[in-house]
C-alpha atoms as a PDB file:
ATOM      1  CA  UNK A   1       6.511 -18.282  11.442  1.00  0.00           C
ATOM      2  CA  UNK A   2       3.023 -17.884  12.765  1.00  0.00           C
ATOM      3  CA  UNK A   3      -0.613 -18.839  11.264  1.00  0.00           C
ATOM      4  CA  UNK A   4      -1.576 -16.044   9.076  1.00  0.00           C
ATOM      5  CA  UNK A   5      -4.405 -14.305  10.815  1.00  0.00           C
ATOM      6  CA  UNK A   6      -7.922 -13.982   8.637  1.00  0.00           C
ATOM      7  CA  UNK A   7     -10.102 -11.809  10.340  1.00  0.00           C
ATOM      8  CA  UNK A   8     -14.242 -12.053   9.741  1.00  0.00           C
ATOM      9  CA  UNK A   9     -16.265  -9.107  10.207  1.00  0.00           C
ATOM     10  CA  UNK A  10     -19.356 -10.067  11.021  1.00  0.00           C
ATOM     11  CA  UNK A  11     -21.691  -6.287  10.757  1.00  0.00           C
ATOM     12  CA  UNK A  12     -25.570  -7.354  12.503  1.00  0.00           C
ATOM     13  CA  UNK A  13     -28.719  -5.617  11.802  1.00  0.00           C
ATOM     14  CA  UNK A  14     -30.429  -2.698  14.621  1.00  0.00           C
ATOM     15  CA  UNK A  15     -32.118  -5.726  16.179  1.00  0.00           C
ATOM     16  CA  UNK A  16     -28.836  -7.470  16.801  1.00  0.00           C
ATOM     17  CA  UNK A  17     -29.708 -10.014  14.140  1.00  0.00           C
ATOM     18  CA  UNK A  18     -27.153 -11.677  11.640  1.00  0.00           C
ATOM     19  CA  UNK A  19     -28.822 -12.735   7.554  1.00  0.00           C
ATOM     20  CA  UNK A  20     -28.564 -15.784   6.573  1.00  0.00           C
ATOM     21  CA  UNK A  21     -26.608 -15.075   4.119  1.00  0.00           C
ATOM     22  CA  UNK A  22     -23.369 -13.448   6.647  1.00  0.00           C
ATOM     23  CA  UNK A  23     -23.824 -16.975   8.285  1.00  0.00           C
ATOM     24  CA  UNK A  24     -23.765 -18.777   4.385  1.00  0.00           C
ATOM     25  CA  UNK A  25     -20.723 -16.590   3.567  1.00  0.00           C
ATOM     26  CA  UNK A  26     -19.054 -17.090   7.259  1.00  0.00           C
ATOM     27  CA  UNK A  27     -19.290 -20.673   7.017  1.00  0.00           C
ATOM     28  CA  UNK A  28     -17.361 -20.494   3.875  1.00  0.00           C
ATOM     29  CA  UNK A  29     -15.046 -19.079   5.159  1.00  0.00           C
ATOM     30  CA  UNK A  30     -14.474 -21.468   8.142  1.00  0.00           C
ATOM     31  CA  UNK A  31     -14.042 -24.173   5.646  1.00  0.00           C
ATOM     32  CA  UNK A  32     -11.696 -22.429   3.704  1.00  0.00           C
ATOM     33  CA  UNK A  33      -8.963 -20.685   6.825  1.00  0.00           C
ATOM     34  CA  UNK A  34     -10.846 -22.196   9.729  1.00  0.00           C
ATOM     35  CA  UNK A  35     -10.258 -25.757   9.376  1.00  0.00           C
ATOM     36  CA  UNK A  36      -6.926 -26.590  10.560  1.00  0.00           C
ATOM     37  CA  UNK A  37      -6.207 -28.196   6.458  1.00  0.00           C
ATOM     38  CA  UNK A  38      -2.617 -28.640   8.203  1.00  0.00           C
ATOM     39  CA  UNK A  39      -2.049 -32.305   5.960  1.00  0.00           C
ATOM     40  CA  UNK A  40      -1.895 -29.539   2.410  1.00  0.00           C
ATOM     41  CA  UNK A  41      -0.208 -26.463   4.541  1.00  0.00           C
ATOM     42  CA  UNK A  42       1.733 -25.967   7.674  1.00  0.00           C
ATOM     43  CA  UNK A  43       0.661 -24.029   9.144  1.00  0.00           C
ATOM     44  CA  UNK A  44      -2.534 -22.944   8.488  1.00  0.00           C
ATOM     45  CA  UNK A  45      -4.428 -20.235   8.799  1.00  0.00           C
ATOM     46  CA  UNK A  46      -5.822 -18.680  12.208  1.00  0.00           C
ATOM     47  CA  UNK A  47      -9.323 -17.206  11.854  1.00  0.00           C
ATOM     48  CA  UNK A  48     -11.161 -14.840  14.002  1.00  0.00           C
ATOM     49  CA  UNK A  49     -14.760 -14.095  14.208  1.00  0.00           C
ATOM     50  CA  UNK A  50     -14.943  -9.899  14.680  1.00  0.00           C
ATOM     51  CA  UNK A  51     -17.834  -8.187  16.212  1.00  0.00           C
ATOM     52  CA  UNK A  52     -20.232  -7.309  18.533  1.00  0.00           C
ATOM     53  CA  UNK A  53     -21.356 -10.131  20.642  1.00  0.00           C
ATOM     54  CA  UNK A  54     -22.821 -12.287  21.127  1.00  0.00           C
ATOM     55  CA  UNK A  55     -22.037 -13.345  17.239  1.00  0.00           C
ATOM     56  CA  UNK A  56     -18.184 -12.647  16.965  1.00  0.00           C
ATOM     57  CA  UNK A  57     -15.451 -14.319  19.197  1.00  0.00           C
ATOM     58  CA  UNK A  58     -13.525 -11.583  19.509  1.00  0.00           C
ATOM     59  CA  UNK A  59     -14.612  -7.935  18.938  1.00  0.00           C
ATOM     60  CA  UNK A  60     -13.187  -4.938  16.742  1.00  0.00           C
ATOM     61  CA  UNK A  61      -9.982  -5.280  17.977  1.00  0.00           C
ATOM     62  CA  UNK A  62      -9.020  -8.594  16.180  1.00  0.00           C
ATOM     63  CA  UNK A  63      -8.851  -6.246  13.416  1.00  0.00           C
ATOM     64  CA  UNK A  64      -5.918  -4.855  15.061  1.00  0.00           C
ATOM     65  CA  UNK A  65      -2.698  -7.095  13.631  1.00  0.00           C
ATOM     66  CA  UNK A  66      -5.031  -9.105  10.631  1.00  0.00           C
ATOM     67  CA  UNK A  67      -3.212 -10.175   7.881  1.00  0.00           C
ATOM     68  CA  UNK A  68      -6.770 -10.165   5.684  1.00  0.00           C
ATOM     69  CA  UNK A  69      -9.552  -8.672   6.563  1.00  0.00           C
ATOM     70  CA  UNK A  70     -12.820 -10.185   5.144  1.00  0.00           C
ATOM     71  CA  UNK A  71     -16.290  -8.623   5.703  1.00  0.00           C
ATOM     72  CA  UNK A  72     -19.203 -10.665   4.213  1.00  0.00           C
ATOM     73  CA  UNK A  73     -22.407  -9.304   3.591  1.00  0.00           C
ATOM     74  CA  UNK A  74     -24.045  -6.692   5.476  1.00  0.00           C
ATOM     75  CA  UNK A  75     -27.421  -6.699   6.866  1.00  0.00           C
ATOM     76  CA  UNK A  76     -30.443  -5.291   3.814  1.00  0.00           C
ATOM     77  CA  UNK A  77     -31.297  -1.859   6.270  1.00  0.00           C
ATOM     78  CA  UNK A  78     -27.397  -1.075   5.204  1.00  0.00           C
ATOM     79  CA  UNK A  79     -27.552  -1.287   1.316  1.00  0.00           C
ATOM     80  CA  UNK A  80     -31.031   0.025   1.512  1.00  0.00           C
ATOM     81  CA  UNK A  81     -29.590   2.846   2.975  1.00  0.00           C
ATOM     82  CA  UNK A  82     -31.692   2.682   6.292  1.00  0.00           C
ATOM     83  CA  UNK A  83     -28.524   1.839   8.574  1.00  0.00           C
ATOM     84  CA  UNK A  84     -25.723   3.617   8.694  1.00  0.00           C
ATOM     85  CA  UNK A  85     -22.527   0.989   9.358  1.00  0.00           C
ATOM     86  CA  UNK A  86     -21.290   1.801  12.823  1.00  0.00           C
ATOM     87  CA  UNK A  87     -18.688   4.317  12.762  1.00  0.00           C
ATOM     88  CA  UNK A  88     -16.385   2.211  14.498  1.00  0.00           C
ATOM     89  CA  UNK A  89     -16.310  -0.631  11.950  1.00  0.00           C
ATOM     90  CA  UNK A  90     -15.800   2.069   9.257  1.00  0.00           C
ATOM     91  CA  UNK A  91     -12.867   3.182  11.618  1.00  0.00           C
ATOM     92  CA  UNK A  92     -11.405  -0.331  11.771  1.00  0.00           C
ATOM     93  CA  UNK A  93     -11.707  -1.020   8.261  1.00  0.00           C
ATOM     94  CA  UNK A  94      -9.502   1.662   7.452  1.00  0.00           C
ATOM     95  CA  UNK A  95      -6.841   0.989  10.027  1.00  0.00           C
ATOM     96  CA  UNK A  96      -6.581  -2.098   9.330  1.00  0.00           C
ATOM     97  CA  UNK A  97      -6.316  -1.409   5.358  1.00  0.00           C
ATOM     98  CA  UNK A  98      -3.429   1.256   6.378  1.00  0.00           C
ATOM     99  CA  UNK A  99      -1.597  -1.544   8.892  1.00  0.00           C
ATOM    100  CA  UNK A 100      -1.235  -3.586   5.166  1.00  0.00           C
ATOM    101  CA  UNK A 101      -3.504  -6.070   5.949  1.00  0.00           C
ATOM    102  CA  UNK A 102      -5.301  -7.453   2.603  1.00  0.00           C
ATOM    103  CA  UNK A 103      -8.721  -6.049   2.624  1.00  0.00           C
ATOM    104  CA  UNK A 104     -11.839  -8.549   0.691  1.00  0.00           C
ATOM    105  CA  UNK A 105     -15.510  -8.358   0.390  1.00  0.00           C
ATOM    106  CA  UNK A 106     -17.881 -10.796  -0.509  1.00  0.00           C
ATOM    107  CA  UNK A 107     -20.981  -9.685  -1.726  1.00  0.00           C
ATOM    108  CA  UNK A 108     -22.948  -6.850   0.134  1.00  0.00           C
ATOM    109  CA  UNK A 109     -19.879  -6.500   2.044  1.00  0.00           C
ATOM    110  CA  UNK A 110     -18.686  -4.668  -0.813  1.00  0.00           C
ATOM    111  CA  UNK A 111     -20.570  -1.316   0.929  1.00  0.00           C
ATOM    112  CA  UNK A 112     -18.548  -1.621   4.204  1.00  0.00           C
ATOM    113  CA  UNK A 113     -15.290  -1.287   2.320  1.00  0.00           C
ATOM    114  CA  UNK A 114     -16.318   1.280  -0.127  1.00  0.00           C
ATOM    115  CA  UNK A 115     -18.237   3.771   2.759  1.00  0.00           C
ATOM    116  CA  UNK A 116     -14.063   3.371   4.442  1.00  0.00           C
ATOM    117  CA  UNK A 117     -12.838   4.478   0.942  1.00  0.00           C
ATOM    118  CA  UNK A 118     -11.138   1.489   0.166  1.00  0.00           C
ATOM    119  CA  UNK A 119     -12.574   0.733  -3.045  1.00  0.00           C
ATOM    120  CA  UNK A 120     -12.328   4.533  -4.250  1.00  0.00           C
ATOM    121  CA  UNK A 121     -10.742   4.428  -7.690  1.00  0.00           C
ATOM    122  CA  UNK A 122     -10.660   0.802  -7.883  1.00  0.00           C
ATOM    123  CA  UNK A 123     -12.909  -2.056  -9.895  1.00  0.00           C
ATOM    124  CA  UNK A 124     -14.734  -3.907  -7.113  1.00  0.00           C
ATOM    125  CA  UNK A 125     -18.122  -6.491  -7.787  1.00  0.00           C
ATOM    126  CA  UNK A 126     -20.821  -7.717  -5.440  1.00  0.00           C
ATOM    127  CA  UNK A 127     -24.429  -9.520  -6.715  1.00  0.00           C
ATOM    128  CA  UNK A 128     -25.342  -7.925  -9.642  1.00  0.00           C
ATOM    129  CA  UNK A 129     -29.049  -6.938  -8.455  1.00  0.00           C
ATOM    130  CA  UNK A 130     -26.925  -4.501  -5.830  1.00  0.00           C
ATOM    131  CA  UNK A 131     -24.956  -2.580  -8.192  1.00  0.00           C
ATOM    132  CA  UNK A 132     -27.146  -0.036  -9.282  1.00  0.00           C
ATOM    133  CA  UNK A 133     -27.043   1.239  -5.257  1.00  0.00           C
ATOM    134  CA  UNK A 134     -23.458   0.540  -4.872  1.00  0.00           C
ATOM    135  CA  UNK A 135     -22.780   2.816  -8.180  1.00  0.00           C
ATOM    136  CA  UNK A 136     -24.890   5.165  -7.452  1.00  0.00           C
ATOM    137  CA  UNK A 137     -23.965   5.800  -3.728  1.00  0.00           C
ATOM    138  CA  UNK A 138     -20.423   6.064  -4.026  1.00  0.00           C
ATOM    139  CA  UNK A 139     -19.528   6.287  -7.959  1.00  0.00           C
ATOM    140  CA  UNK A 140     -16.124   7.104  -6.914  1.00  0.00           C
ATOM    141  CA  UNK A 141     -16.427   3.158  -7.120  1.00  0.00           C
ATOM    142  CA  UNK A 142     -16.188   1.748 -10.352  1.00  0.00           C
ATOM    143  CA  UNK A 143     -18.600  -1.417  -9.919  1.00  0.00           C
ATOM    144  CA  UNK A 144     -18.301  -3.822 -12.666  1.00  0.00           C
ATOM    145  CA  UNK A 145     -21.083  -6.580 -11.709  1.00  0.00           C
ATOM    146  CA  UNK A 146     -20.314  -9.012 -14.664  1.00  0.00           C
ATOM    147  CA  UNK A 147     -17.300 -10.603 -13.328  1.00  0.00           C
ATOM    148  CA  UNK A 148     -17.343 -13.108 -10.221  1.00  0.00           C
ATOM    149  CA  UNK A 149     -14.772 -11.773  -8.294  1.00  0.00           C
ATOM    150  CA  UNK A 150     -12.136  -8.913  -8.665  1.00  0.00           C
ATOM    151  CA  UNK A 151      -8.152  -8.909  -7.533  1.00  0.00           C
ATOM    152  CA  UNK A 152      -6.477  -5.378  -7.409  1.00  0.00           C
ATOM    153  CA  UNK A 153      -3.688  -6.531  -4.994  1.00  0.00           C
ATOM    154  CA  UNK A 154      -4.656  -4.623  -1.513  1.00  0.00           C
ATOM    155  CA  UNK A 155      -8.340  -5.261  -2.190  1.00  0.00           C
ATOM    156  CA  UNK A 156     -10.684  -8.472  -3.418  1.00  0.00           C
ATOM    157  CA  UNK A 157     -14.669  -8.273  -3.685  1.00  0.00           C
ATOM    158  CA  UNK A 158     -16.958 -11.362  -4.904  1.00  0.00           C
ATOM    159  CA  UNK A 159     -20.469 -11.462  -6.095  1.00  0.00           C
ATOM    160  CA  UNK A 160     -22.681 -13.493  -3.763  1.00  0.00           C
ATOM    161  CA  UNK A 161     -23.150 -17.035  -2.632  1.00  0.00           C
ATOM    162  CA  UNK A 162     -20.806 -19.509  -4.089  1.00  0.00           C
ATOM    163  CA  UNK A 163     -18.649 -16.569  -5.984  1.00  0.00           C
ATOM    164  CA  UNK A 164     -17.628 -16.018  -2.341  1.00  0.00           C
ATOM    165  CA  UNK A 165     -15.884 -19.864  -2.167  1.00  0.00           C
ATOM    166  CA  UNK A 166     -14.378 -18.789  -5.867  1.00  0.00           C
ATOM    167  CA  UNK A 167     -12.756 -15.924  -3.990  1.00  0.00           C
ATOM    168  CA  UNK A 168     -11.324 -18.096  -0.564  1.00  0.00           C
ATOM    169  CA  UNK A 169      -9.937 -20.331  -3.039  1.00  0.00           C
ATOM    170  CA  UNK A 170      -8.442 -17.636  -5.513  1.00  0.00           C
ATOM    171  CA  UNK A 171      -6.801 -16.612  -1.829  1.00  0.00           C
ATOM    172  CA  UNK A 172      -5.803 -20.308  -1.331  1.00  0.00           C
ATOM    173  CA  UNK A 173      -4.424 -20.803  -4.950  1.00  0.00           C
ATOM    174  CA  UNK A 174      -2.007 -17.043  -4.801  1.00  0.00           C
ATOM    175  CA  UNK A 175      -0.623 -17.395  -1.065  1.00  0.00           C
ATOM    176  CA  UNK A 176       0.461 -21.558  -0.987  1.00  0.00           C
ATOM    177  CA  UNK A 177      -0.066 -22.413  -4.943  1.00  0.00           C
ATOM    178  CA  UNK A 178      -2.142 -24.237  -7.276  1.00  0.00           C
ATOM    179  CA  UNK A 179      -1.553 -27.899  -5.868  1.00  0.00           C
ATOM    180  CA  UNK A 180      -2.882 -26.583  -2.477  1.00  0.00           C
ATOM    181  CA  UNK A 181      -5.412 -24.856  -3.639  1.00  0.00           C
ATOM    182  CA  UNK A 182      -6.425 -27.546  -5.692  1.00  0.00           C
ATOM    183  CA  UNK A 183      -6.439 -30.287  -2.503  1.00  0.00           C
ATOM    184  CA  UNK A 184      -8.571 -28.168  -0.692  1.00  0.00           C
ATOM    185  CA  UNK A 185     -10.955 -27.668  -4.013  1.00  0.00           C
ATOM    186  CA  UNK A 186     -11.359 -31.624  -4.065  1.00  0.00           C
ATOM    187  CA  UNK A 187     -11.520 -31.845  -0.054  1.00  0.00           C
ATOM    188  CA  UNK A 188     -14.633 -29.493  -0.783  1.00  0.00           C
ATOM    189  CA  UNK A 189     -15.807 -31.309  -3.468  1.00  0.00           C
ATOM    190  CA  UNK A 190     -16.477 -27.969  -6.127  1.00  0.00           C
ATOM    191  CA  UNK A 191     -13.774 -26.641  -8.819  1.00  0.00           C
ATOM    192  CA  UNK A 192     -10.572 -26.046  -8.276  1.00  0.00           C
ATOM    193  CA  UNK A 193     -10.133 -22.768 -10.291  1.00  0.00           C
ATOM    194  CA  UNK A 194     -12.678 -20.272 -11.687  1.00  0.00           C
ATOM    195  CA  UNK A 195     -11.244 -16.869 -12.755  1.00  0.00           C
ATOM    196  CA  UNK A 196     -12.571 -13.984 -11.840  1.00  0.00           C
ATOM    197  CA  UNK A 197     -13.996 -12.535 -15.206  1.00  0.00           C
ATOM    198  CA  UNK A 198     -16.206 -15.978 -15.529  1.00  0.00           C
ATOM    199  CA  UNK A 199     -19.599 -14.434 -16.328  1.00  0.00           C
ATOM    200  CA  UNK A 200     -21.530 -13.868 -12.801  1.00  0.00           C
ATOM    201  CA  UNK A 201     -25.571 -14.593 -14.049  1.00  0.00           C
ATOM    202  CA  UNK A 202     -25.908 -16.054 -17.501  1.00  0.00           C
ATOM    203  CA  UNK A 203     -30.248 -16.614 -18.017  1.00  0.00           C
ATOM    204  CA  UNK A 204     -30.131 -20.292 -18.949  1.00  0.00           C
ATOM    205  CA  UNK A 205     -33.142 -22.671 -19.406  1.00  0.00           C
ATOM    206  CA  UNK A 206     -33.276 -25.659 -17.315  1.00  0.00           C
ATOM    207  CA  UNK A 207     -33.347 -28.692 -19.611  1.00  0.00           C
ATOM    208  CA  UNK A 208     -36.512 -30.480 -19.483  1.00  0.00           C
ATOM    209  CA  UNK A 209     -36.193 -33.272 -16.038  1.00  0.00           C
ATOM    210  CA  UNK A 210     -35.900 -36.285 -18.809  1.00  0.00           C
ATOM    211  CA  UNK A 211     -33.269 -34.757 -20.996  1.00  0.00           C
ATOM    212  CA  UNK A 212     -29.424 -36.256 -20.321  1.00  0.00           C
ATOM    213  CA  UNK A 213     -27.151 -33.675 -19.236  1.00  0.00           C
ATOM    214  CA  UNK A 214     -25.026 -34.681 -22.318  1.00  0.00           C
ATOM    215  CA  UNK A 215     -22.796 -30.911 -22.308  1.00  0.00           C
ATOM    216  CA  UNK A 216     -21.541 -31.618 -19.594  1.00  0.00           C
ATOM    217  CA  UNK A 217     -20.197 -34.804 -20.369  1.00  0.00           C
ATOM    218  CA  UNK A 218     -19.014 -33.215 -23.783  1.00  0.00           C
ATOM    219  CA  UNK A 219     -16.783 -30.101 -21.330  1.00  0.00           C
ATOM    220  CA  UNK A 220     -14.916 -32.282 -19.153  1.00  0.00           C
ATOM    221  CA  UNK A 221     -13.909 -34.837 -21.805  1.00  0.00           C
ATOM    222  CA  UNK A 222     -13.002 -31.594 -23.675  1.00  0.00           C
ATOM    223  CA  UNK A 223     -10.957 -30.519 -20.406  1.00  0.00           C
ATOM    224  CA  UNK A 224      -9.445 -34.034 -19.989  1.00  0.00           C
ATOM    225  CA  UNK A 225      -8.079 -33.142 -23.804  1.00  0.00           C
ATOM    226  CA  UNK A 226      -7.013 -29.809 -24.180  1.00  0.00           C
ATOM    227  CA  UNK A 227      -3.397 -30.427 -25.564  1.00  0.00           C
ATOM    228  CA  UNK A 228      -5.507 -32.243 -28.556  1.00  0.00           C
ATOM    229  CA  UNK A 229      -6.391 -30.723 -31.444  1.00  0.00           C
ATOM    230  CA  UNK A 230     -10.014 -30.084 -30.947  1.00  0.00           C
ATOM    231  CA  UNK A 231     -12.546 -28.444 -32.969  1.00  0.00           C
ATOM    232  CA  UNK A 232     -16.322 -27.464 -32.221  1.00  0.00           C
ATOM    233  CA  UNK A 233     -17.742 -29.775 -34.201  1.00  0.00           C
ATOM    234  CA  UNK A 234     -16.166 -32.886 -32.584  1.00  0.00           C
ATOM    235  CA  UNK A 235     -17.713 -31.755 -28.870  1.00  0.00           C
ATOM    236  CA  UNK A 236     -20.981 -31.099 -30.660  1.00  0.00           C
ATOM    237  CA  UNK A 237     -20.650 -34.901 -31.876  1.00  0.00           C
ATOM    238  CA  UNK A 238     -19.516 -35.905 -28.360  1.00  0.00           C
ATOM    239  CA  UNK A 239     -22.562 -33.854 -26.602  1.00  0.00           C
ATOM    240  CA  UNK A 240     -24.995 -35.591 -29.521  1.00  0.00           C
ATOM    241  CA  UNK A 241     -25.886 -32.169 -30.618  1.00  0.00           C
ATOM    242  CA  UNK A 242     -25.725 -29.841 -34.296  1.00  0.00           C
ATOM    243  CA  UNK A 243     -22.791 -27.812 -33.575  1.00  0.00           C
ATOM    244  CA  UNK A 244     -25.982 -24.878 -34.212  1.00  0.00           C
ATOM    245  CA  UNK A 245     -27.304 -26.354 -31.218  1.00  0.00           C
ATOM    246  CA  UNK A 246     -24.405 -26.560 -29.184  1.00  0.00           C
ATOM    247  CA  UNK A 247     -23.054 -23.116 -29.601  1.00  0.00           C
ATOM    248  CA  UNK A 248     -26.423 -22.262 -28.227  1.00  0.00           C
ATOM    249  CA  UNK A 249     -26.000 -23.699 -25.242  1.00  0.00           C
ATOM    250  CA  UNK A 250     -22.803 -23.280 -24.152  1.00  0.00           C
ATOM    251  CA  UNK A 251     -23.739 -19.320 -24.856  1.00  0.00           C
ATOM    252  CA  UNK A 252     -26.581 -20.283 -22.452  1.00  0.00           C
ATOM    253  CA  UNK A 253     -24.915 -22.045 -20.423  1.00  0.00           C
ATOM    254  CA  UNK A 254     -21.528 -20.497 -20.016  1.00  0.00           C
ATOM    255  CA  UNK A 255     -22.314 -16.814 -21.157  1.00  0.00           C
ATOM    256  CA  UNK A 256     -19.808 -17.186 -24.702  1.00  0.00           C
ATOM    257  CA  UNK A 257     -19.071 -18.904 -27.497  1.00  0.00           C
ATOM    258  CA  UNK A 258     -17.579 -22.990 -27.375  1.00  0.00           C
ATOM    259  CA  UNK A 259     -14.163 -21.351 -28.985  1.00  0.00           C
ATOM    260  CA  UNK A 260     -14.150 -18.379 -26.027  1.00  0.00           C
ATOM    261  CA  UNK A 261     -14.789 -21.664 -23.677  1.00  0.00           C
ATOM    262  CA  UNK A 262     -12.257 -23.670 -25.184  1.00  0.00           C
ATOM    263  CA  UNK A 263      -9.940 -21.050 -24.936  1.00  0.00           C
ATOM    264  CA  UNK A 264     -10.170 -20.168 -21.875  1.00  0.00           C
ATOM    265  CA  UNK A 265      -9.739 -23.742 -20.329  1.00  0.00           C
ATOM    266  CA  UNK A 266      -6.739 -23.446 -22.583  1.00  0.00           C
ATOM    267  CA  UNK A 267      -5.563 -19.858 -20.805  1.00  0.00           C
ATOM    268  CA  UNK A 268      -6.290 -21.523 -17.422  1.00  0.00           C
ATOM    269  CA  UNK A 269      -4.819 -24.943 -17.677  1.00  0.00           C
ATOM    270  CA  UNK A 270      -1.218 -22.875 -18.555  1.00  0.00           C
ATOM    271  CA  UNK A 271      -1.584 -20.921 -15.732  1.00  0.00           C
ATOM    272  CA  UNK A 272      -2.116 -24.252 -13.733  1.00  0.00           C
ATOM    273  CA  UNK A 273       1.752 -25.458 -15.169  1.00  0.00           C
ATOM    274  CA  UNK A 274       3.302 -22.190 -15.510  1.00  0.00           C
ATOM    275  CA  UNK A 275       2.513 -22.387 -11.346  1.00  0.00           C
ATOM    276  CA  UNK A 276       2.960 -25.085 -10.577  1.00  0.00           C
ATOM    277  CA  UNK A 277       5.612 -26.763 -12.761  1.00  0.00           C
ATOM    278  CA  UNK A 278       9.108 -25.404 -13.768  1.00  0.00           C
ATOM    279  CA  UNK A 279       8.331 -26.945 -18.065  1.00  0.00           C
ATOM    280  CA  UNK A 280       9.371 -24.167 -20.315  1.00  0.00           C
ATOM    281  CA  UNK A 281       6.773 -22.041 -21.566  1.00  0.00           C
ATOM    282  CA  UNK A 282       7.188 -24.391 -25.099  1.00  0.00           C
ATOM    283  CA  UNK A 283       5.313 -27.141 -23.394  1.00  0.00           C
ATOM    284  CA  UNK A 284       3.833 -25.236 -21.397  1.00  0.00           C
ATOM    285  CA  UNK A 285       1.806 -24.652 -24.709  1.00  0.00           C
ATOM    286  CA  UNK A 286       1.765 -27.928 -25.984  1.00  0.00           C
ATOM    287  CA  UNK A 287       0.389 -28.925 -22.557  1.00  0.00           C
ATOM    288  CA  UNK A 288      -2.325 -26.488 -22.496  1.00  0.00           C
ATOM    289  CA  UNK A 289      -3.490 -27.005 -26.577  1.00  0.00           C
ATOM    290  CA  UNK A 290      -2.111 -23.477 -27.034  1.00  0.00           C
ATOM    291  CA  UNK A 291       0.577 -25.188 -29.291  1.00  0.00           C
ATOM    292  CA  UNK A 292       3.937 -22.969 -30.029  1.00  0.00           C
ATOM    293  CA  UNK A 293       5.538 -20.680 -27.269  1.00  0.00           C
ATOM    294  CA  UNK A 294       4.749 -18.080 -29.763  1.00  0.00           C
ATOM    295  CA  UNK A 295       0.843 -18.550 -29.565  1.00  0.00           C
ATOM    296  CA  UNK A 296       0.557 -19.441 -25.600  1.00  0.00           C
ATOM    297  CA  UNK A 297       2.287 -15.375 -25.163  1.00  0.00           C
ATOM    298  CA  UNK A 298      -0.050 -14.138 -27.282  1.00  0.00           C
ATOM    299  CA  UNK A 299      -3.044 -15.838 -26.229  1.00  0.00           C
ATOM    300  CA  UNK A 300      -1.953 -15.859 -22.598  1.00  0.00           C
ATOM    301  CA  UNK A 301      -1.171 -12.103 -23.054  1.00  0.00           C
ATOM    302  CA  UNK A 302      -4.205 -10.956 -24.390  1.00  0.00           C
ATOM    303  CA  UNK A 303      -6.304 -12.888 -21.813  1.00  0.00           C
ATOM    304  CA  UNK A 304      -3.913 -12.309 -18.694  1.00  0.00           C
ATOM    305  CA  UNK A 305      -2.331  -8.554 -18.597  1.00  0.00           C
ATOM    306  CA  UNK A 306       1.281  -9.963 -18.373  1.00  0.00           C
ATOM    307  CA  UNK A 307       3.171 -12.448 -20.559  1.00  0.00           C
ATOM    308  CA  UNK A 308       3.797 -15.729 -19.363  1.00  0.00           C
ATOM    309  CA  UNK A 309       7.114 -15.944 -18.131  1.00  0.00           C
ATOM    310  CA  UNK A 310       6.103 -12.428 -16.098  1.00  0.00           C
ATOM    311  CA  UNK A 311       3.117 -14.712 -14.409  1.00  0.00           C
ATOM    312  CA  UNK A 312       5.037 -17.419 -13.383  1.00  0.00           C
ATOM    313  CA  UNK A 313       7.709 -14.868 -11.893  1.00  0.00           C
ATOM    314  CA  UNK A 314       4.940 -12.938  -9.918  1.00  0.00           C
ATOM    315  CA  UNK A 315       3.495 -15.716  -8.935  1.00  0.00           C
ATOM    316  CA  UNK A 316       5.474 -18.151  -7.082  1.00  0.00           C
ATOM    317  CA  UNK A 317       3.416 -18.350  -3.231  1.00  0.00           C
ATOM    318  CA  UNK A 318       5.731 -17.573  -0.511  1.00  0.00           C
ATOM    319  CA  UNK A 319       2.647 -18.150   2.566  1.00  0.00           C
ATOM    320  CA  UNK A 320       0.019 -16.033   3.221  1.00  0.00           C
ATOM    321  CA  UNK A 321       0.598 -12.567   3.470  1.00  0.00           C
ATOM    322  CA  UNK A 322       1.929 -12.661   7.068  1.00  0.00           C
ATOM    323  CA  UNK A 323       4.332 -10.758   9.811  1.00  0.00           C
ATOM    324  CA  UNK A 324       6.214 -12.688  11.010  1.00  0.00           C
ATOM    325  CA  UNK A 325       4.239 -13.851  14.236  1.00  0.00           C
END
């Protein structure tokens, strides 16, 4: 079987300029899908950069036969309604989706998927600064600017900047499994997995320059000891804070309470264990700190929407979506 094809679409403005955001997101896609990480999985992906010359190595014809199509940011003029998306681009996106390609947008690239009708009736996200405009222009789209990325199976969307990398790693995780995605994340020096429902924007004040970071090490310690009983008071002591201050700092930094943060990390650990091991659910519950199998099922199903057993059965990676080339 040949490598799965990822086509990334560049949309220049009317002066044939590509925005810095587009370049940033292209480099993100290139790092994940364009570099041959064949030591992690062989074959890796084949990347096509599609767009008008001189920006793309392929024209829009490169969308034909692609297994995944990614649209990074579109020009500000498109977002502001001063520039229409090229009709051939919109038709190309529709044709790619109709042929079975997985459709992905990063940040304001959601405007392109929406223009093609691919977000109708779906939940989608993008940078929170653009959410109001997208919702007003496309009321048939459920715009959720509170999350990092969304996954509707055939259509995925992300917020801007780092969230685009989170989504790319999520795609690798779906295609090739948690171990490969984790190894790639380590290579890129980023967290192995940030769930899509993490808050997109948290107004966290910067600590004084001379203040040591005690929250980060305390939370990292917690992640390394999820299998143990953990209390907020203990974590606050490790962070050298009062429980009240610790609660406030976690909420400012992570947008949730310490207990909800801890539960989220334990569910994430359970996901990884279900994806990458054949451990019985009882042991998954123990190693993730969720306790009994019944407790694991209750918290996991509430957070993920399916039972641990169903998640494991549906997640088994079979390689990137490919058409057998």
